[in-house]
Amino acid sequence: MRLHHSCIVTIRNIISNLNKGGIIEVRFGTGGTKIAVPLREISLYRICSVVEPDAVDKMIGIHNKPSSLCPVGKNIAPVLADAYGKIKRDLIESMKSITLDMLVDDFHSRLNQTAP
């Protein structure tokens, strides 16, 4: 199967970001990639913040250019700011509490349950 050029670029960018973020080590030339730190030190938040630094803001954010003519739009940001701030903090803490070793353990546990 041939990968589309944009897929290859996306994969290279993700690998580069994970490498720069200290999550993986990449050997160029002969190739090879390995996890750079113990799985218990790699949280979902760490991965997310390395691969897509503004992902949480994209998930939980208030439109920053509402119409000044709209009574809801021009007043909604201050109304939602505290609630969205709490949701964002809770999401980040939750993502920090889930580590790659937990996901790998869960995967193997589920795999063993479905084995004949």
Protein backbone atom coordinates (compact mmCIF):
# COMPACT_ATOMS: atom_id res chain seq x y z
CA MET A 1 0.00 0.00 0.00
CA ARG A 2 1.32 3.42 -0.93
CA LEU A 3 0.91 6.26 1.51
CA HIS A 4 -0.25 9.57 0.21
CA HIS A 5 2.43 12.30 0.42
CA SER A 6 0.49 14.30 3.03
CA CYS A 7 0.24 11.21 5.26
CA ILE A 8 4.00 10.75 5.12
CA VAL A 9 4.57 14.41 5.96
CA THR A 10 2.12 14.20 8.87
CA ILE A 11 3.81 11.08 10.24
CA ARG A 12 7.26 12.66 9.91
CA ASN A 13 6.04 15.79 11.72
CA ILE A 14 4.56 13.73 14.56
CA ILE A 15 7.75 11.68 14.90
CA SER A 16 9.82 14.87 14.86
CA ASN A 17 7.65 16.45 17.58
CA LEU A 18 7.79 13.31 19.74
CA ASN A 19 11.57 13.26 19.32
CA LYS A 20 11.92 16.97 20.22
CA GLY A 21 9.63 16.39 23.21
CA GLY A 22 11.91 13.67 24.55
CA ILE A 23 9.31 10.92 24.21
CA ILE A 24 11.09 8.95 21.50
CA GLU A 25 14.62 8.71 20.14
CA VAL A 26 15.12 8.53 16.41
CA ARG A 27 18.23 7.22 14.68
CA PHE A 28 18.48 8.79 11.28
CA GLY A 29 20.21 7.12 8.39
CA THR A 30 19.92 3.46 9.31
CA GLY A 31 16.58 4.19 10.92
CA GLY A 32 15.05 3.05 14.09
CA THR A 33 12.90 4.61 16.74
CA LYS A 34 12.55 3.75 20.39
CA ILE A 35 10.76 5.07 23.45
CA ALA A 36 13.13 7.42 25.27
CA VAL A 37 11.60 7.29 28.76
CA PRO A 38 9.68 4.73 30.82
CA LEU A 39 6.05 4.39 29.72
CA ARG A 40 4.86 5.48 33.18
CA GLU A 41 6.43 8.90 32.50
CA ILE A 42 4.50 9.44 29.28
CA SER A 43 1.03 10.83 29.95
CA LEU A 44 -1.66 11.50 27.39
CA TYR A 45 -1.23 15.18 28.15
CA ARG A 46 2.50 15.02 27.45
CA ILE A 47 1.88 13.35 24.10
CA CYS A 48 -0.91 15.76 23.23
CA SER A 49 1.06 18.86 24.19
CA VAL A 50 4.06 17.70 22.14
CA VAL A 51 2.13 16.64 19.04
CA GLU A 52 -0.53 19.39 19.06
CA PRO A 53 0.39 22.10 21.58
CA ASP A 54 -2.90 23.98 21.31
CA ALA A 55 -5.15 20.91 21.18
CA VAL A 56 -6.76 21.53 24.58
CA ASP A 57 -7.49 25.14 23.67
CA LYS A 58 -9.03 23.95 20.42
CA MET A 59 -11.22 21.47 22.32
CA ILE A 60 -12.26 23.92 25.01
CA GLY A 61 -12.29 27.45 23.81
CA ILE A 62 -14.52 30.41 23.32
CA HIS A 63 -14.86 31.96 19.89
CA ASN A 64 -12.57 34.97 20.11
CA LYS A 65 -14.24 37.18 17.49
CA PRO A 66 -17.97 37.26 18.16
CA SER A 67 -20.12 39.83 16.43
CA SER A 68 -20.51 43.02 18.44
CA LEU A 69 -24.05 43.17 17.03
CA CYS A 70 -25.02 39.88 18.69
CA PRO A 71 -26.15 40.31 22.31
CA VAL A 72 -25.22 36.72 23.14
CA GLY A 73 -21.92 36.72 21.27
CA LYS A 74 -20.62 39.91 22.79
CA ASN A 75 -21.42 38.81 26.36
CA ILE A 76 -20.85 35.06 26.33
CA ALA A 77 -17.05 35.00 26.84
CA PRO A 78 -17.10 36.41 30.39
CA VAL A 79 -20.07 34.20 31.27
CA LEU A 80 -18.30 31.02 30.13
CA ALA A 81 -14.71 31.91 31.07
CA ASP A 82 -14.75 30.45 34.60
CA ALA A 83 -16.64 27.31 33.59
CA TYR A 84 -14.42 26.67 30.57
CA GLY A 85 -11.32 27.33 32.69
CA LYS A 86 -12.42 24.67 35.17
CA ILE A 87 -13.22 22.21 32.38
CA LYS A 88 -9.81 22.86 30.81
CA ARG A 89 -7.96 22.35 34.12
CA ASP A 90 -9.93 19.14 34.81
CA LEU A 91 -9.23 17.82 31.31
CA ILE A 92 -5.51 18.50 31.64
CA GLU A 93 -5.34 16.81 35.07
CA SER A 94 -7.26 13.83 33.72
CA MET A 95 -4.94 13.54 30.72
CA LYS A 96 -1.91 13.78 33.02
CA SER A 97 -3.26 10.92 35.14
CA ILE A 98 -3.44 8.50 32.19
CA THR A 99 -0.07 7.12 31.21
CA LEU A 100 1.11 5.02 28.33
CA ASP A 101 1.90 2.09 30.62
CA MET A 102 -1.72 2.14 31.84
CA LEU A 103 -2.98 2.01 28.25
CA VAL A 104 -0.58 -0.78 27.31
CA ASP A 105 -1.61 -2.80 30.40
CA ASP A 106 -5.28 -2.26 29.57
CA PHE A 107 -4.68 -3.34 25.98
CA HIS A 108 -2.95 -6.56 27.03
CA SER A 109 -5.63 -7.28 29.61
CA ARG A 110 -8.36 -6.92 26.99
CA LEU A 111 -6.39 -8.93 24.49
CA ASN A 112 -6.03 -11.78 27.00
CA GLN A 113 -9.78 -11.70 27.73
CA THR A 114 -10.65 -12.20 24.06
CA ALA A 115 -8.11 -14.95 23.42
CA PRO A 116 -9.68 -18.38 22.80
